[in-house]
N, C-alpha and C. Protein backbone atom coordinates (compact mmCIF):
# COMPACT_ATOMS: atom_id res chain seq x y z
N MET A 1 270.68 -99.58 101.34
CA MET A 1 270.82 -98.52 100.37
C MET A 1 272.24 -98.66 99.77
N GLY A 2 272.86 -99.41 100.42
CA GLY A 2 274.76 -99.60 99.68
C GLY A 2 274.38 -100.12 98.68
N LYS A 3 273.45 -101.17 98.53
CA LYS A 3 273.83 -101.93 97.10
C LYS A 3 273.42 -101.33 95.84
N ASP A 4 271.73 -100.76 96.51
CA ASP A 4 271.50 -99.62 95.22
C ASP A 4 272.35 -98.36 94.74
N SER A 5 272.81 -97.76 95.71
CA SER A 5 273.55 -96.75 95.65
C SER A 5 275.25 -97.43 94.56
N LYS A 6 275.35 -98.27 95.08
CA LYS A 6 276.61 -98.98 94.17
C LYS A 6 276.13 -99.20 92.22
N GLU A 7 275.19 -99.54 92.53
CA GLU A 7 274.38 -100.53 91.45
C GLU A 7 274.23 -99.21 90.31
N LYS A 8 273.37 -97.91 91.18
CA LYS A 8 272.96 -96.57 90.47
C LYS A 8 274.47 -96.07 89.86
N GLU A 9 275.18 -96.33 91.22
CA GLU A 9 276.58 -95.39 90.46
C GLU A 9 277.13 -96.05 89.36
N GLN A 10 277.36 -97.84 89.37
CA GLN A 10 277.70 -98.44 88.11
C GLN A 10 276.96 -98.01 86.91
N LEU A 11 275.56 -97.72 87.14
CA LEU A 11 274.57 -97.72 86.13
C LEU A 11 275.57 -95.95 85.53
N ASP A 12 275.08 -95.23 86.28
CA ASP A 12 275.76 -93.63 86.46
C ASP A 12 277.03 -93.89 85.22
N GLU A 13 278.00 -94.31 85.78
CA GLU A 13 279.53 -94.71 85.15
C GLU A 13 279.44 -95.47 83.89
N GLN A 14 278.29 -96.64 84.18
CA GLN A 14 278.32 -97.13 82.71
C GLN A 14 277.65 -96.02 81.70
N GLN A 15 276.59 -95.39 82.06
CA GLN A 15 276.12 -94.23 80.97
C GLN A 15 276.85 -93.31 80.62
N THR A 16 277.70 -92.74 81.82
CA THR A 16 278.53 -91.78 81.61
C THR A 16 279.58 -92.15 80.33
N ALA A 17 280.47 -93.59 80.71
CA ALA A 17 281.15 -94.17 79.69
C ALA A 17 280.31 -94.38 78.11
N GLU A 18 279.22 -94.71 78.20
CA GLU A 18 278.89 -94.63 77.02
C GLU A 18 278.64 -93.21 76.62
N GLU A 19 277.96 -92.39 77.07
CA GLU A 19 277.96 -90.75 76.46
C GLU A 19 279.20 -90.38 76.28
N THR A 20 280.53 -90.49 76.98
CA THR A 20 282.00 -90.16 76.73
C THR A 20 282.09 -91.22 75.33
N VAL A 21 282.07 -92.13 75.05
CA VAL A 21 282.16 -93.19 73.58
C VAL A 21 281.78 -92.21 72.68
N SER A 22 280.30 -92.25 72.61
CA SER A 22 278.74 -91.79 72.23
C SER A 22 279.75 -90.34 71.73
N GLU A 23 280.23 -89.77 72.94
CA GLU A 23 280.94 -88.22 72.35
C GLU A 23 281.90 -88.51 71.44
N ASN A 24 282.91 -89.27 71.57
CA ASN A 24 284.19 -89.28 71.30
C ASN A 24 283.75 -89.70 69.97
N ALA A 25 283.04 -90.67 69.78
CA ALA A 25 282.54 -91.14 68.01
C ALA A 25 281.94 -89.86 67.42
N ASP A 26 281.00 -88.89 68.18
CA ASP A 26 280.56 -87.64 67.26
C ASP A 26 281.54 -86.78 66.80
N ASN A 27 282.56 -86.59 67.90
CA ASN A 27 283.54 -85.97 67.85
C ASN A 27 284.68 -86.32 66.46
N ALA A 28 285.07 -87.51 66.36
CA ALA A 28 285.82 -88.30 66.38
C ALA A 28 285.20 -88.02 64.77
N GLN A 29 283.45 -88.42 64.04
CA GLN A 29 282.83 -88.26 62.81
C GLN A 29 283.26 -86.78 62.15
N ALA A 30 282.91 -85.92 63.37
CA ALA A 30 283.04 -84.00 62.97
C ALA A 30 284.28 -83.81 62.81
N GLU A 31 285.85 -84.27 62.98
CA GLU A 31 286.53 -84.58 62.66
C GLU A 31 287.22 -85.19 61.26
N GLU A 32 286.49 -86.00 61.77
CA GLU A 32 286.81 -86.67 59.88
C GLU A 32 285.79 -86.12 58.87
N THR A 33 284.65 -85.31 59.41
CA THR A 33 284.06 -84.69 58.14
C THR A 33 284.70 -83.33 57.59
N ALA A 34 285.17 -82.90 58.74
CA ALA A 34 285.94 -81.89 58.77
C ALA A 34 287.34 -81.57 57.74
N ALA A 35 288.10 -82.78 58.25
CA ALA A 35 289.15 -83.14 57.43
C ALA A 35 288.85 -83.64 55.86
N GLU A 36 287.56 -84.24 55.54
CA GLU A 36 287.07 -84.33 54.23
C GLU A 36 287.19 -83.13 54.04
N GLU A 37 286.29 -82.23 54.34
CA GLU A 37 285.65 -80.93 53.40
C GLU A 37 287.39 -80.28 53.33
N ALA A 38 288.02 -80.14 54.26
CA ALA A 38 289.32 -79.90 54.10
C ALA A 38 289.95 -79.89 53.01
N ALA A 39 290.39 -81.68 52.98
CA ALA A 39 290.71 -82.58 52.06
C ALA A 39 290.14 -81.70 50.61
N GLY A 40 288.70 -81.24 50.62
CA GLY A 40 288.06 -81.24 49.51
C GLY A 40 288.16 -80.30 48.76
N ASP A 41 288.27 -78.93 49.75
CA ASP A 41 288.74 -78.03 49.54
C ASP A 41 290.11 -77.66 49.13
N LYS A 42 290.86 -78.43 49.84
CA LYS A 42 292.40 -78.58 49.18
C LYS A 42 292.60 -79.20 48.07
N THR A 43 291.85 -79.99 47.43
CA THR A 43 291.78 -80.42 46.26
C THR A 43 291.29 -79.42 45.05
N GLU A 44 290.58 -79.26 45.65
CA GLU A 44 289.81 -77.63 44.30
C GLU A 44 291.12 -76.86 44.39
N GLU A 45 291.35 -76.33 45.05
CA GLU A 45 291.99 -75.35 45.08
C GLU A 45 293.58 -75.63 44.53
N LEU A 46 294.03 -77.15 44.46
CA LEU A 46 295.32 -77.81 43.78
C LEU A 46 294.55 -77.84 42.43
N GLU A 47 293.35 -77.97 42.10
CA GLU A 47 293.05 -78.23 40.74
C GLU A 47 292.96 -77.07 40.02
N LYS A 48 292.33 -76.07 40.90
CA LYS A 48 292.41 -74.58 39.78
C LYS A 48 293.87 -74.27 39.85
N ALA A 49 294.57 -74.32 40.61
CA ALA A 49 295.81 -73.93 40.30
C ALA A 49 296.79 -74.89 39.25
N LEU A 50 296.26 -75.86 39.19
CA LEU A 50 296.91 -77.06 37.83
C LEU A 50 296.69 -76.57 36.71
N ALA A 51 294.86 -76.32 36.67
CA ALA A 51 294.65 -75.71 35.38
C ALA A 51 295.09 -73.87 34.78
N ALA A 52 295.34 -73.17 35.92
CA ALA A 52 295.69 -72.02 35.49
C ALA A 52 297.15 -71.95 35.19
N GLU A 53 297.75 -72.90 35.57
CA GLU A 53 299.38 -73.34 35.30
C GLU A 53 299.42 -73.91 33.55
N LYS A 54 298.37 -75.12 33.61
CA LYS A 54 298.39 -75.76 32.19
C LYS A 54 297.77 -74.74 31.32
N ASP A 55 297.27 -73.25 31.84
CA ASP A 55 296.48 -72.72 30.90
C ASP A 55 297.58 -71.50 30.15
N LYS A 56 298.57 -71.19 31.40
CA LYS A 56 299.78 -70.41 31.76
C LYS A 56 300.30 -71.07 29.79
N LEU A 57 301.12 -72.37 30.91
CA LEU A 57 302.25 -72.88 29.62
C LEU A 57 301.16 -73.03 28.71
N LEU A 58 300.24 -73.60 27.80
CA LEU A 58 299.59 -73.56 26.53
C LEU A 58 299.86 -72.16 25.88
N ARG A 59 299.12 -71.44 26.48
CA ARG A 59 299.58 -69.74 26.02
C ARG A 59 301.16 -69.39 26.03
N THR A 60 302.03 -69.50 27.13
CA THR A 60 303.24 -69.68 26.42
C THR A 60 303.58 -70.23 25.00
N ALA A 61 303.12 -71.58 25.14
CA ALA A 61 303.82 -72.39 23.75
C ALA A 61 303.26 -71.84 22.89
N ALA A 62 301.92 -70.98 23.02
CA ALA A 62 301.04 -70.77 21.61
C ALA A 62 302.23 -69.45 21.03
N GLU A 63 302.45 -68.30 21.88
CA GLU A 63 303.00 -67.31 21.99
C GLU A 63 304.16 -67.51 21.24
N TYR A 64 305.39 -68.58 21.60
CA TYR A 64 306.14 -69.00 21.24
C TYR A 64 306.07 -69.59 19.92
N ALA A 65 305.32 -70.06 19.38
CA ALA A 65 305.16 -70.63 18.18
C ALA A 65 304.90 -69.53 17.02
N ASN A 66 304.01 -68.31 17.79
CA ASN A 66 303.96 -66.75 16.81
C ASN A 66 305.21 -66.19 16.75
N TYR A 67 305.78 -66.49 17.48
CA TYR A 67 307.13 -65.31 17.47
C TYR A 67 307.78 -66.70 16.86
N ARG A 68 308.00 -67.61 16.36
CA ARG A 68 308.67 -68.40 15.59
C ARG A 68 308.33 -67.51 13.80
N THR A 69 307.11 -68.12 13.81
CA THR A 69 306.67 -67.87 12.64
C THR A 69 307.45 -66.36 12.21
N ARG A 70 306.62 -65.75 13.05
CA ARG A 70 307.06 -64.35 12.44
C ARG A 70 308.16 -64.05 12.77
N THR A 71 309.41 -64.22 13.06
CA THR A 71 310.71 -64.11 12.85
C THR A 71 311.05 -64.75 11.40
N GLU A 72 310.57 -65.88 11.36
CA GLU A 72 311.08 -66.43 10.14
C GLU A 72 310.45 -65.65 8.97
N ARG A 73 309.09 -65.37 8.78
CA ARG A 73 308.40 -64.03 7.81
C ARG A 73 309.46 -63.39 8.08
N GLU A 74 309.96 -62.72 8.83
CA GLU A 74 310.80 -61.24 8.66
C GLU A 74 312.33 -61.68 8.09
N LYS A 75 312.70 -62.48 8.89
CA LYS A 75 314.11 -62.92 7.68
C LYS A 75 313.81 -62.93 6.12
N ALA A 76 313.21 -63.78 6.02
CA ALA A 76 312.48 -63.71 4.59
C ALA A 76 312.68 -62.48 3.63
N GLY A 77 311.46 -61.94 4.93
CA GLY A 77 311.39 -59.99 3.81
C GLY A 77 312.41 -59.58 4.30
N ILE A 78 313.48 -59.88 4.82
CA ILE A 78 314.54 -58.77 5.01
C ILE A 78 315.65 -59.27 3.91
N TYR A 79 315.23 -60.79 3.69
CA TYR A 79 316.35 -61.40 2.65
C TYR A 79 316.27 -61.00 1.18
N ALA A 80 315.13 -60.61 1.01
CA ALA A 80 314.14 -60.12 -0.26
C ALA A 80 314.50 -59.34 -0.17
N ASN A 81 314.25 -58.08 0.35
CA ASN A 81 315.01 -56.51 0.09
C ASN A 81 315.78 -56.26 0.02
N ALA A 82 316.93 -57.08 0.64
CA ALA A 82 318.37 -56.70 0.47
C ALA A 82 318.69 -57.24 -1.32
N VAL A 83 318.03 -58.08 -1.13
CA VAL A 83 318.28 -58.65 -2.80
C VAL A 83 317.81 -57.63 -3.86
N SER A 84 316.58 -56.84 -3.43
CA SER A 84 316.08 -56.11 -4.05
C SER A 84 316.69 -54.56 -4.34
N ASP A 85 316.98 -54.26 -3.12
CA ASP A 85 318.22 -53.15 -3.16
C ASP A 85 319.26 -53.52 -3.50
N THR A 86 319.65 -54.48 -3.55
CA THR A 86 320.98 -54.99 -4.47
C THR A 86 321.07 -54.72 -5.61
N ILE A 87 319.80 -55.39 -6.69
CA ILE A 87 319.56 -55.31 -7.64
C ILE A 87 319.19 -54.01 -8.28
N ASN A 88 318.56 -53.36 -7.49
CA ASN A 88 318.06 -52.14 -8.14
C ASN A 88 319.40 -51.25 -8.65
N GLU A 89 320.91 -51.47 -7.41
CA GLU A 89 321.95 -50.98 -7.74
C GLU A 89 322.31 -51.30 -9.05
N ILE A 90 322.20 -52.85 -9.45
CA ILE A 90 322.95 -53.46 -10.05
C ILE A 90 322.32 -53.44 -11.98
N ILE A 91 321.02 -53.03 -11.91
CA ILE A 91 319.84 -52.69 -12.89
C ILE A 91 320.66 -51.94 -14.24
N PRO A 92 320.90 -50.45 -13.60
CA PRO A 92 321.24 -49.71 -14.46
C PRO A 92 322.49 -50.16 -15.44
N ILE A 93 323.17 -51.28 -14.72
CA ILE A 93 324.25 -51.39 -15.17
C ILE A 93 324.10 -52.86 -16.39
N ALA A 94 322.95 -53.44 -16.08
CA ALA A 94 322.63 -54.53 -17.00
C ALA A 94 321.81 -53.71 -18.24
N ASP A 95 321.10 -52.51 -17.99
CA ASP A 95 320.83 -51.95 -18.81
C ASP A 95 321.75 -51.12 -19.62
N ASN A 96 322.83 -50.69 -19.44
CA ASN A 96 323.65 -50.08 -20.21
C ASN A 96 324.62 -51.26 -21.13
N ILE A 97 324.77 -52.11 -20.31
CA ILE A 97 325.41 -53.71 -21.43
C ILE A 97 324.80 -53.67 -22.61
N ASP A 98 323.47 -53.71 -22.20
CA ASP A 98 322.19 -54.32 -23.37
C ASP A 98 322.29 -53.24 -24.53
N ARG A 99 322.49 -51.71 -23.94
CA ARG A 99 322.43 -50.89 -25.07
C ARG A 99 323.75 -50.93 -25.51
N ALA A 100 325.00 -50.84 -25.03
CA ALA A 100 326.19 -51.07 -25.87
C ALA A 100 326.20 -52.17 -26.25
N LEU A 101 325.37 -53.58 -26.51
CA LEU A 101 325.39 -54.93 -27.12
C LEU A 101 324.79 -54.40 -28.59
N GLU A 102 323.98 -53.25 -28.39
CA GLU A 102 323.02 -52.66 -29.25
C GLU A 102 323.76 -52.18 -30.53
N ALA A 103 324.59 -51.26 -29.93
CA ALA A 103 325.18 -50.04 -30.55
C ALA A 103 327.04 -50.41 -30.71
N SER A 104 326.94 -51.55 -30.26
CA SER A 104 328.26 -52.45 -31.01
C SER A 104 328.60 -53.16 -32.14
N LYS A 105 327.26 -53.05 -33.25
CA LYS A 105 327.03 -53.75 -33.95
C LYS A 105 328.34 -53.87 -35.24
N ASN A 106 328.62 -52.79 -35.41
CA ASN A 106 329.77 -52.22 -35.78
C ASN A 106 331.05 -52.00 -35.59
N ALA A 107 331.23 -52.38 -34.26
CA ALA A 107 332.46 -52.22 -33.32
C ALA A 107 333.32 -53.37 -33.89
N PRO A 108 334.78 -53.36 -33.21
CA PRO A 108 335.15 -55.16 -33.66
C PRO A 108 334.77 -55.96 -33.17
N GLU A 109 334.97 -57.31 -33.64
CA GLU A 109 334.22 -58.29 -32.81
C GLU A 109 334.75 -58.90 -31.60
N GLU A 110 336.14 -58.65 -31.14
CA GLU A 110 336.63 -58.55 -29.83
C GLU A 110 336.09 -57.84 -28.78
N PHE A 111 335.63 -56.73 -29.56
CA PHE A 111 334.95 -55.69 -28.77
C PHE A 111 333.45 -56.40 -28.35
N ARG A 112 332.62 -56.53 -29.08
CA ARG A 112 331.17 -57.72 -29.29
C ARG A 112 331.22 -58.74 -28.14
N LYS A 113 332.35 -59.50 -28.70
CA LYS A 113 332.40 -60.93 -27.54
C LYS A 113 332.67 -60.25 -25.94
N GLY A 114 333.60 -59.29 -25.55
CA GLY A 114 333.80 -58.88 -24.82
C GLY A 114 332.27 -58.83 -24.03
N LEU A 115 331.33 -58.07 -24.24
CA LEU A 115 330.39 -57.38 -23.94
C LEU A 115 329.38 -58.38 -24.02
N GLU A 116 329.43 -59.34 -24.69
CA GLU A 116 328.43 -60.31 -24.61
C GLU A 116 328.95 -61.24 -23.59
N MET A 117 330.31 -61.38 -23.24
CA MET A 117 330.49 -62.46 -22.03
C MET A 117 329.78 -61.72 -21.09
N ILE A 118 330.43 -60.43 -21.01
CA ILE A 118 329.83 -59.54 -19.69
C ILE A 118 328.40 -59.86 -19.54
N SER A 119 327.38 -59.70 -20.71
CA SER A 119 325.82 -60.05 -20.54
C SER A 119 325.58 -61.11 -19.91
N ASN A 120 326.48 -62.07 -20.54
CA ASN A 120 326.10 -63.70 -20.38
C ASN A 120 326.33 -64.05 -18.88
N GLN A 121 327.44 -63.11 -18.25
CA GLN A 121 327.52 -63.53 -16.84
C GLN A 121 326.90 -62.86 -16.37
N LEU A 122 326.54 -61.28 -16.10
CA LEU A 122 325.29 -61.00 -15.53
C LEU A 122 324.12 -61.90 -15.13
N LYS A 123 323.55 -62.40 -16.64
CA LYS A 123 322.77 -63.19 -16.62
C LYS A 123 322.67 -64.30 -15.30
N LYS A 124 323.96 -65.17 -15.75
CA LYS A 124 323.70 -66.27 -15.05
C LYS A 124 323.67 -65.57 -13.51
N SER A 125 324.40 -64.99 -13.10
CA SER A 125 324.22 -64.23 -11.70
C SER A 125 322.55 -63.93 -11.43
N PHE A 126 321.99 -63.77 -12.37
CA PHE A 126 320.71 -63.26 -11.94
C PHE A 126 319.88 -64.60 -12.10
N GLU A 127 320.33 -65.26 -12.51
CA GLU A 127 319.42 -66.80 -12.85
C GLU A 127 320.12 -67.50 -11.21
N LYS A 128 321.11 -67.19 -10.68
CA LYS A 128 321.47 -67.71 -9.22
C LYS A 128 320.37 -67.53 -8.38
N LEU A 129 320.35 -65.96 -8.53
CA LEU A 129 319.28 -65.27 -7.22
C LEU A 129 318.28 -64.78 -7.62
N ASN A 130 317.64 -65.71 -9.07
CA ASN A 130 316.12 -65.94 -8.87
C ASN A 130 315.25 -65.19 -9.40
N ILE A 131 316.43 -63.88 -10.08
CA ILE A 131 315.95 -62.29 -11.03
C ILE A 131 315.61 -63.04 -11.95
N LYS A 132 314.61 -62.68 -12.22
CA LYS A 132 313.88 -62.65 -13.76
C LYS A 132 313.39 -61.22 -14.57
N SER A 133 313.79 -61.21 -16.15
CA SER A 133 313.59 -60.16 -16.82
C SER A 133 312.39 -60.19 -17.26
N PHE A 134 311.44 -59.22 -17.46
CA PHE A 134 309.95 -59.33 -18.27
C PHE A 134 310.14 -58.03 -19.09
N GLY A 135 309.02 -58.09 -20.33
CA GLY A 135 308.72 -57.01 -20.84
C GLY A 135 309.81 -57.62 -22.29
N GLU A 136 309.02 -57.88 -22.87
CA GLU A 136 309.69 -58.46 -24.42
C GLU A 136 308.44 -57.97 -25.87
N VAL A 137 309.05 -57.81 -26.74
CA VAL A 137 308.08 -56.91 -27.85
C VAL A 137 307.37 -58.43 -27.93
N GLY A 138 306.42 -58.13 -28.35
CA GLY A 138 305.46 -59.37 -28.72
C GLY A 138 304.82 -59.70 -27.16
N GLU A 139 304.80 -59.31 -26.05
CA GLU A 139 304.05 -59.99 -25.29
C GLU A 139 303.07 -59.25 -24.78
N THR A 140 301.92 -59.83 -24.30
CA THR A 140 300.64 -59.17 -23.88
C THR A 140 300.63 -58.14 -23.08
N PHE A 141 300.41 -56.87 -23.08
CA PHE A 141 300.43 -56.07 -21.75
C PHE A 141 299.97 -56.56 -20.72
N ASP A 142 300.46 -56.40 -19.28
CA ASP A 142 299.63 -56.46 -17.70
C ASP A 142 299.72 -55.44 -17.05
N PRO A 143 299.18 -54.53 -17.02
CA PRO A 143 299.41 -53.27 -15.95
C PRO A 143 300.02 -53.72 -14.96
N GLU A 144 300.36 -55.15 -14.23
CA GLU A 144 300.69 -55.62 -12.83
C GLU A 144 302.29 -55.51 -13.33
N PHE A 145 302.87 -55.75 -14.24
CA PHE A 145 303.78 -55.94 -14.64
C PHE A 145 304.76 -54.99 -15.61
N HIS A 146 304.15 -54.24 -16.48
CA HIS A 146 304.25 -52.96 -17.65
C HIS A 146 303.73 -52.05 -16.86
N ASN A 147 304.98 -50.80 -17.58
CA ASN A 147 304.18 -49.10 -17.35
C ASN A 147 304.20 -48.96 -18.95
N ALA A 148 303.24 -48.62 -19.38
CA ALA A 148 302.99 -48.04 -20.73
C ALA A 148 302.95 -46.70 -20.64
N ILE A 149 304.03 -46.37 -21.68
CA ILE A 149 304.33 -44.76 -21.46
C ILE A 149 303.87 -44.36 -22.82
N SER A 150 303.82 -45.21 -23.40
CA SER A 150 302.94 -44.53 -25.35
C SER A 150 301.91 -45.80 -25.71
N SER A 151 301.33 -45.13 -26.78
CA SER A 151 300.74 -46.33 -27.35
C SER A 151 300.75 -45.88 -29.01
N VAL A 152 301.09 -47.04 -29.91
CA VAL A 152 300.81 -46.38 -31.15
C VAL A 152 299.99 -47.72 -32.12
N ASP A 153 299.76 -47.37 -33.09
CA ASP A 153 298.86 -48.55 -33.75
C ASP A 153 299.94 -48.95 -34.72
N SER A 154 299.21 -50.52 -35.39
CA SER A 154 300.61 -51.18 -35.62
C SER A 154 299.61 -52.11 -36.25
N ASP A 155 299.94 -52.86 -37.99
CA ASP A 155 298.98 -53.90 -38.31
C ASP A 155 299.68 -54.94 -38.43
N GLU A 156 301.23 -55.30 -37.88
CA GLU A 156 301.62 -56.20 -37.71
C GLU A 156 301.63 -57.08 -36.02
N LEU A 157 301.23 -56.35 -35.25
CA LEU A 157 300.67 -56.20 -33.79
C LEU A 157 299.50 -56.56 -33.44
N GLU A 158 298.83 -57.81 -32.49
CA GLU A 158 297.93 -57.20 -32.23
C GLU A 158 297.36 -56.42 -30.96
N SER A 159 296.59 -56.22 -30.77
CA SER A 159 295.99 -55.04 -29.47
C SER A 159 295.94 -55.79 -28.35
N ASP A 160 297.14 -54.64 -27.58
CA ASP A 160 297.26 -55.04 -26.16
C ASP A 160 298.59 -55.95 -26.01
N THR A 161 299.26 -55.52 -26.96
CA THR A 161 300.73 -56.37 -27.04
C THR A 161 301.67 -55.15 -26.81
N ILE A 162 303.15 -55.69 -26.80
CA ILE A 162 303.75 -54.80 -26.27
C ILE A 162 304.63 -54.33 -28.29
N ALA A 163 304.63 -53.10 -28.28
CA ALA A 163 305.49 -52.89 -29.41
C ALA A 163 306.96 -52.47 -29.23
N VAL A 164 307.27 -51.67 -28.31
CA VAL A 164 308.41 -51.32 -27.99
C VAL A 164 308.94 -51.50 -26.91
N VAL A 165 310.53 -52.05 -26.36
CA VAL A 165 310.68 -52.16 -24.88
C VAL A 165 311.49 -50.82 -24.73
N TYR A 166 310.80 -49.61 -23.81
CA TYR A 166 312.32 -48.82 -23.60
C TYR A 166 313.12 -49.61 -22.12
N GLN A 167 312.24 -49.90 -21.51
CA GLN A 167 313.55 -50.72 -19.98
C GLN A 167 312.91 -51.86 -19.51
N LYS A 168 313.52 -53.12 -19.69
CA LYS A 168 313.20 -54.28 -19.15
C LYS A 168 312.57 -53.93 -18.02
N GLY A 169 311.83 -54.84 -17.59
CA GLY A 169 311.23 -55.18 -16.41
C GLY A 169 311.96 -56.49 -15.47
N TYR A 170 312.38 -56.11 -14.34
CA TYR A 170 313.01 -57.11 -13.08
C TYR A 170 311.98 -57.79 -12.06
N LYS A 171 311.84 -59.03 -11.57
CA LYS A 171 311.38 -59.58 -9.98
C LYS A 171 311.92 -60.73 -9.65
N VAL A 172 312.20 -60.97 -8.40
CA VAL A 172 312.58 -61.84 -7.70
C VAL A 172 311.73 -62.41 -7.27
N GLY A 173 311.21 -63.58 -7.18
CA GLY A 173 310.45 -64.66 -7.29
C GLY A 173 309.05 -64.00 -7.18
N ASP A 174 308.25 -63.49 -6.91
CA ASP A 174 306.79 -63.03 -6.85
C ASP A 174 306.96 -61.32 -7.07
N LYS A 175 307.88 -60.80 -6.11
CA LYS A 175 308.27 -59.29 -6.34
C LYS A 175 308.84 -58.60 -7.38
N ILE A 176 308.04 -57.81 -7.83
CA ILE A 176 308.42 -57.06 -8.95
C ILE A 176 309.45 -55.64 -8.17
N ILE A 177 310.27 -55.84 -9.07
CA ILE A 177 311.62 -54.96 -8.82
C ILE A 177 311.29 -53.37 -9.40
N ARG A 178 311.08 -53.93 -10.61
CA ARG A 178 311.81 -52.94 -11.56
C ARG A 178 310.32 -53.26 -12.50
N HIS A 179 309.01 -52.28 -12.79
CA HIS A 179 308.34 -52.39 -13.96
C HIS A 179 308.84 -52.25 -15.39
N ALA A 180 308.27 -53.04 -16.50
CA ALA A 180 308.98 -52.78 -17.53
C ALA A 180 308.36 -51.21 -18.28
N MET A 181 309.06 -50.69 -18.84
CA MET A 181 308.74 -49.41 -19.51
C MET A 181 308.40 -49.46 -20.82
N VAL A 182 307.12 -49.64 -21.65
CA VAL A 182 306.84 -50.31 -22.96
C VAL A 182 306.16 -49.51 -23.46
N GLN A 183 305.59 -49.34 -24.80
CA GLN A 183 305.26 -49.17 -25.69
C GLN A 183 304.07 -50.01 -26.36
N THR A 184 302.59 -49.59 -26.07
CA THR A 184 301.82 -51.09 -26.33
C THR A 184 300.87 -50.68 -27.97
N VAL A 185 300.38 -51.44 -28.21
CA VAL A 185 299.70 -51.27 -29.52
C VAL A 185 298.32 -51.10 -29.27
N ASN A 186 297.91 -49.68 -30.27
CA ASN A 186 296.28 -49.85 -29.77
C ASN A 186 295.20 -50.73 -30.30
């Protein structure tokens, strides 16, 4: 029995060694699978975090672009409002100079020339600021630009034209600063 028991022991040891190797291989494979699953979970988490950060970055860029556009529009509006407020204060002076020119027909030539120079200088300043006057006799009446305060019958002018201008209108670009006060033809 000695030999058989030694062989049996060797077979048992060999079988135990094979089982240990098999268990170690199974354990290694299980560990590898667990590591792959953990790495896969970690990759998914990183991809989600990356997508969230990318989304946040895109939103921030869009917000900045909107902010920049809004502030540029506000700056332009502030400038237009400042010009229009300033011009509203200067327009009565221009009206008075025009009235003085009309009334100075019998005045001395030097006086009239001085008024014309002031009027021309004011017109040049208006041109530099892109301020245009409107509302002349003979123009077609447009309620967007003109304020009709009366109407008359006339054989000389066509219907819906301006017969008399009581007060010129002014605009900066497309913004109307003051409507022209006119008399229209029926």
